[in-house]
Protein backbone atom coordinates (compact mmCIF):
# COMPACT_ATOMS: atom_id res chain seq x y z
CA MET A 1 85.68 96.81 131.72
CA THR A 2 86.19 97.04 135.49
CA LYS A 3 83.66 95.13 137.55
CA THR A 4 82.52 96.40 140.91
CA LEU A 5 81.35 94.63 144.04
CA THR A 6 79.34 96.56 146.63
CA VAL A 7 79.05 95.18 150.14
CA ALA A 8 76.78 96.58 152.84
CA THR A 9 76.60 95.79 156.55
CA TRP A 10 73.78 96.66 158.94
CA ASN A 11 72.79 95.73 162.46
CA ILE A 12 69.11 95.48 161.69
CA ASN A 13 68.00 94.78 165.29
CA SER A 14 65.37 92.18 164.29
CA VAL A 15 65.01 91.14 160.66
CA ARG A 16 61.34 90.25 161.01
CA LEU A 17 60.47 93.61 162.56
CA ARG A 18 62.46 95.71 160.07
CA GLN A 19 62.59 93.64 156.88
CA ASP A 20 60.52 96.21 154.95
CA LEU A 21 63.28 98.79 155.50
CA LEU A 22 65.65 96.66 153.45
CA THR A 23 63.91 97.77 150.27
CA THR A 24 65.01 101.33 151.05
CA LEU A 25 68.51 100.12 151.83
CA MET A 26 68.66 98.40 148.43
CA THR A 27 67.58 101.64 146.73
CA ASP A 28 70.00 103.85 148.66
CA GLY A 29 72.98 101.51 148.90
CA ALA A 30 72.51 99.09 145.98
CA PRO A 31 74.62 96.30 147.51
CA ASP A 32 75.55 93.10 145.71
CA ILE A 33 76.14 91.52 149.11
CA LEU A 34 74.21 92.49 152.24
CA CYS A 35 75.37 91.37 155.68
CA LEU A 36 72.96 91.66 158.60
CA GLN A 37 73.58 91.35 162.32
CA GLU A 38 71.27 90.92 165.30
CA THR A 39 68.65 89.26 163.12
CA LYS A 40 67.00 87.73 166.23
CA ALA A 41 65.46 84.90 164.21
CA PRO A 42 66.18 81.16 164.28
CA ASP A 43 66.89 79.89 160.79
CA PRO A 44 63.42 78.34 160.21
CA LEU A 45 61.79 81.71 161.00
CA PHE A 46 64.05 83.88 158.85
CA PRO A 47 61.78 85.38 156.15
CA SER A 48 62.09 82.78 153.40
CA ASP A 49 61.31 85.10 150.50
CA LEU A 50 63.38 88.06 151.68
CA GLY A 51 66.32 87.42 149.39
CA SER A 52 64.20 87.06 146.28
CA ARG A 53 62.23 90.21 147.14
CA LEU A 54 65.45 92.19 147.41
CA GLY A 55 67.10 90.75 144.30
CA LEU A 56 69.62 88.92 146.49
CA PRO A 57 68.57 85.32 145.92
CA HIS A 58 71.50 83.60 147.62
CA VAL A 59 70.95 83.60 151.37
CA LEU A 60 72.87 82.11 154.27
CA THR A 61 71.68 82.47 157.85
CA ARG A 62 72.85 81.53 161.31
CA GLY A 63 70.22 82.52 163.81
CA MET A 64 68.76 81.79 167.21
CA LYS A 65 65.61 82.73 169.09
CA GLY A 66 65.38 86.22 170.53
CA TYR A 67 68.87 87.62 170.12
CA ASN A 68 72.13 87.61 168.11
CA GLY A 69 72.00 86.09 164.63
CA VAL A 70 73.79 86.91 161.36
CA ALA A 71 72.92 86.56 157.68
CA ILE A 72 74.46 87.10 154.24
CA LEU A 73 72.24 87.88 151.24
CA SER A 74 73.87 88.07 147.82
CA ARG A 75 73.36 88.47 144.08
CA LEU A 76 76.35 86.17 143.66
CA GLU A 77 76.34 82.50 144.50
CA LEU A 78 77.58 81.82 148.02
CA GLN A 79 79.48 78.84 149.36
CA LEU A 80 79.25 78.51 153.13
CA ILE A 81 82.59 78.06 154.89
CA GLU A 82 81.88 75.37 157.46
CA ALA A 83 85.29 75.05 159.09
CA MET A 84 85.17 78.08 161.37
CA PRO A 85 85.74 78.29 165.14
CA ASP A 86 82.95 78.03 167.67
CA TRP A 87 83.91 81.34 169.24
CA CYS A 88 84.40 81.01 173.01
CA GLY A 89 82.59 77.66 172.80
CA LYS A 90 79.20 79.34 173.01
CA SER A 91 77.59 78.52 169.64
CA ASP A 92 75.74 81.82 169.89
CA CYS A 93 75.36 82.71 166.22
CA ARG A 94 77.75 85.65 166.07
CA HIS A 95 79.61 84.80 162.86
CA ILE A 96 79.03 83.42 159.41
CA ALA A 97 81.52 83.16 156.54
CA ALA A 98 81.15 82.37 152.85
CA ASN A 99 82.91 82.55 149.53
CA ALA A 100 81.15 84.80 147.03
CA LEU A 101 81.73 83.44 143.54
CA THR A 102 83.06 86.39 141.58
CA GLY A 103 84.71 84.32 138.85
CA ASP A 104 88.02 82.51 138.93
CA HIS A 105 88.93 84.08 142.26
CA PRO A 106 86.14 84.25 144.85
CA ILE A 107 85.87 86.87 147.56
CA THR A 108 85.63 85.57 151.12
CA VAL A 109 83.10 87.39 153.29
CA HIS A 110 83.11 87.28 157.09
CA ASN A 111 80.10 88.70 158.92
CA PHE A 112 80.59 89.25 162.68
CA TYR A 113 78.41 90.40 165.55
CA ILE A 114 80.78 90.94 168.47
CA PRO A 115 79.39 90.80 172.03
CA ALA A 116 78.40 94.21 173.38
CA GLY A 117 80.16 93.50 176.66
CA GLY A 118 77.70 94.79 179.25
CA ASP A 119 78.12 98.02 181.19
CA ILE A 120 81.06 97.49 183.56
CA PRO A 121 84.57 97.41 182.00
CA ASP A 122 85.89 94.83 184.44
CA ARG A 123 86.42 91.17 183.60
CA GLU A 124 85.84 89.94 187.16
CA ALA A 125 82.81 92.08 187.95
CA ASN A 126 81.24 91.62 184.51
CA PRO A 127 81.61 88.27 182.70
CA LYS A 128 80.08 89.80 179.55
CA TYR A 129 83.07 92.12 179.27
CA GLY A 130 85.42 89.17 179.72
CA HIS A 131 83.54 87.28 177.01
CA LYS A 132 83.98 90.21 174.64
CA LEU A 133 87.73 90.42 175.26
CA ASP A 134 88.09 86.65 174.86
CA PHE A 135 86.15 86.72 171.59
CA ILE A 136 88.46 89.40 170.20
CA ALA A 137 91.54 87.48 171.32
CA GLU A 138 90.29 84.28 169.65
CA ALA A 139 89.55 86.15 166.42
CA LYS A 140 93.02 87.70 166.45
CA ALA A 141 94.62 84.28 166.92
CA HIS A 142 92.51 82.71 164.19
CA PHE A 143 93.46 85.25 161.54
CA ALA A 144 97.08 85.22 162.66
CA SER A 145 97.09 81.52 161.77
CA ASN A 146 94.94 82.02 158.66
CA PRO A 147 96.16 85.20 156.93
CA PRO A 148 93.32 86.74 154.91
CA MET A 149 93.46 86.98 151.13
CA ARG A 150 90.71 88.41 148.91
CA THR A 151 88.68 88.85 152.07
CA VAL A 152 86.08 91.35 153.26
CA LEU A 153 85.26 91.35 156.97
CA VAL A 154 82.20 93.28 158.09
CA GLY A 155 79.91 93.65 161.01
CA ASP A 156 78.81 95.23 164.21
CA LEU A 157 82.12 94.87 166.03
CA ASN A 158 80.74 96.86 168.97
CA ILE A 159 83.99 98.80 169.40
CA ALA A 160 84.79 102.36 168.38
CA PRO A 161 88.59 102.14 168.13
CA LEU A 162 89.73 105.67 167.29
CA GLU A 163 89.45 108.96 169.21
CA ASN A 164 87.20 110.39 166.50
CA ASP A 165 85.04 107.27 166.39
CA VAL A 166 83.26 108.58 169.50
CA TRP A 167 81.70 111.92 170.37
CA ASN A 168 83.98 112.43 173.38
CA HIS A 169 87.16 110.39 173.65
CA ARG A 170 88.09 111.33 177.22
CA GLN A 171 84.59 110.89 178.58
CA LEU A 172 84.15 107.47 176.94
CA LEU A 173 87.52 105.94 177.83
CA GLY A 174 85.83 104.20 180.74
CA VAL A 175 82.72 103.21 178.79
CA VAL A 176 82.41 99.76 177.24
CA SER A 177 82.97 99.98 173.46
CA HIS A 178 85.85 102.47 173.79
CA THR A 179 87.99 101.15 176.65
CA PRO A 180 91.72 100.68 175.98
CA ALA A 181 91.48 96.90 176.38
CA GLU A 182 88.85 96.72 173.65
CA THR A 183 90.39 99.19 171.23
CA SER A 184 93.89 97.71 171.49
CA GLY A 185 92.45 94.23 171.04
CA LEU A 186 90.55 95.27 167.94
CA ASP A 187 93.64 96.99 166.53
CA GLU A 188 95.69 93.83 167.06
CA TRP A 189 93.02 91.74 165.33
CA ARG A 190 92.88 94.11 162.36
CA GLU A 191 96.67 94.03 162.08
CA GLN A 192 96.51 90.34 161.20
CA GLY A 193 96.23 91.33 157.55
CA PHE A 194 93.36 93.81 157.26
CA ILE A 195 92.82 97.46 156.33
CA ASP A 196 90.10 99.60 157.92
CA ALA A 197 88.37 100.29 154.61
CA ILE A 198 86.14 103.17 155.77
CA ARG A 199 88.98 105.05 157.44
CA TYR A 200 90.91 104.59 154.19
CA PHE A 201 88.51 107.20 152.80
CA VAL A 202 87.83 109.26 155.93
CA PRO A 203 90.88 110.78 157.68
CA HIS A 204 91.41 109.86 161.32
CA ASP A 205 90.98 113.47 162.43
CA GLN A 206 87.36 113.55 161.22
CA LYS A 207 84.43 112.40 163.34
CA LEU A 208 82.70 109.30 161.99
CA TYR A 209 79.75 107.47 163.56
CA THR A 210 77.42 104.58 162.66
CA TRP A 211 75.40 104.31 165.88
CA TRP A 212 73.33 106.74 167.92
CA SER A 213 71.53 105.65 171.08
CA TYR A 214 67.75 105.39 171.15
CA ARG A 215 67.99 107.51 174.32
CA ASN A 216 68.88 110.59 172.27
CA ARG A 217 65.61 112.35 171.51
CA ASP A 218 67.21 114.38 168.72
CA TRP A 219 70.17 112.34 167.61
CA ARG A 220 71.19 114.81 164.91
CA ALA A 221 71.28 117.75 167.31
CA SER A 222 73.19 115.97 170.06
CA ASN A 223 75.27 113.85 167.63
CA ARG A 224 76.61 111.69 170.44
CA GLY A 225 77.53 108.83 168.17
CA ARG A 226 80.03 105.99 167.99
CA ARG A 227 81.48 104.06 165.05
CA LEU A 228 80.62 100.49 165.99
CA ASP A 229 80.03 99.10 162.48
CA HIS A 230 83.03 98.30 160.32
CA ILE A 231 84.23 97.01 156.98
CA TRP A 232 87.78 95.71 156.67
CA VAL A 233 89.48 94.30 153.59
CA SER A 234 92.57 92.15 153.31
CA ARG A 235 95.67 94.09 152.31
CA ASP A 236 95.75 92.60 148.81
CA LEU A 237 92.42 94.37 148.12
CA GLU A 238 93.66 97.85 149.04
CA THR A 239 94.09 98.82 145.39
CA CYS A 240 90.49 97.74 144.76
CA LEU A 241 88.96 100.22 147.23
CA SER A 242 86.67 102.47 145.20
CA ARG A 243 84.14 104.34 147.40
CA HIS A 244 82.15 104.17 150.59
CA ARG A 245 78.89 105.45 152.05
CA ILE A 246 77.46 105.76 155.56
CA LEU A 247 73.66 105.80 155.20
CA SER A 248 73.11 108.13 158.15
CA ASP A 249 69.56 109.00 157.08
CA ALA A 250 68.61 105.43 157.96
CA ARG A 251 68.61 106.50 161.60
CA ASP A 252 65.35 108.33 160.76
CA TRP A 253 63.67 105.46 158.92
CA PRO A 254 60.35 104.48 160.55
CA ARG A 255 61.07 102.11 163.44
CA GLY A 256 64.71 102.12 162.35
CA SER A 257 67.66 100.50 164.08
CA ASP A 258 70.00 102.51 166.29
CA HIS A 259 72.73 101.49 163.82
CA VAL A 260 72.94 102.68 160.21
CA PRO A 261 74.18 100.77 157.16
CA VAL A 262 77.79 101.04 156.01
CA VAL A 263 78.50 100.44 152.31
CA LEU A 264 81.78 99.75 150.49
CA THR A 265 82.40 99.36 146.76
CA LEU A 266 85.39 97.46 145.39
CA ALA A 267 86.70 97.50 141.83
CA ILE A 268 87.47 93.86 141.26
């Protein structure tokens, strides 16, 4: 009998504010592993019973006060991978990695929250943009030296790499999240052994979004979205890709995030 593993990723934009919405996510997405970004909670203040309430009793967190923060919640036992880079030397809680014990051959899970990069796409005028580009370059170099195997990489990567990952390619070429420096950097990182798992199912000529700005009064009508949230798998898992879901209705959940959950199921 084929076993399946379902992984979900969501920028929750404050786990303490929106933790009740995770019950709906569990109903709609039914993940075995849930990766959260922008938890905005130092580890001692992460809701201690959240994992048990969701049926995901194994919980790893890396958080800080007020911003950033990542977490992995899992039905499967997790083993934290300690030996990971301190990206850009900032210790700013943007990455956590673990082995999920699936049997004789664990699955490695990387959960990233890439810097947004500010508003000005110029390294000199905007250090936040430079930080973002440096982060991507360091990640590319790391995986070039450590080729991924049986690996799932997820997160809010804060880049919409393809023309149809944004509502207007030409208009957004000069907007941070879709500039050529960012998209080429992300492509080069992914090429270190990964497959864009969601675009495996959705052709490149189809629009695909996971984020809609809070500024859009009617986000469905305007549909000015971007695909900022991603799931990649190592190339050896390509034959295991089974199905995906973008939980777009989550954009209408009460006090919801501006991001929506992305869900991938593997046949392992």
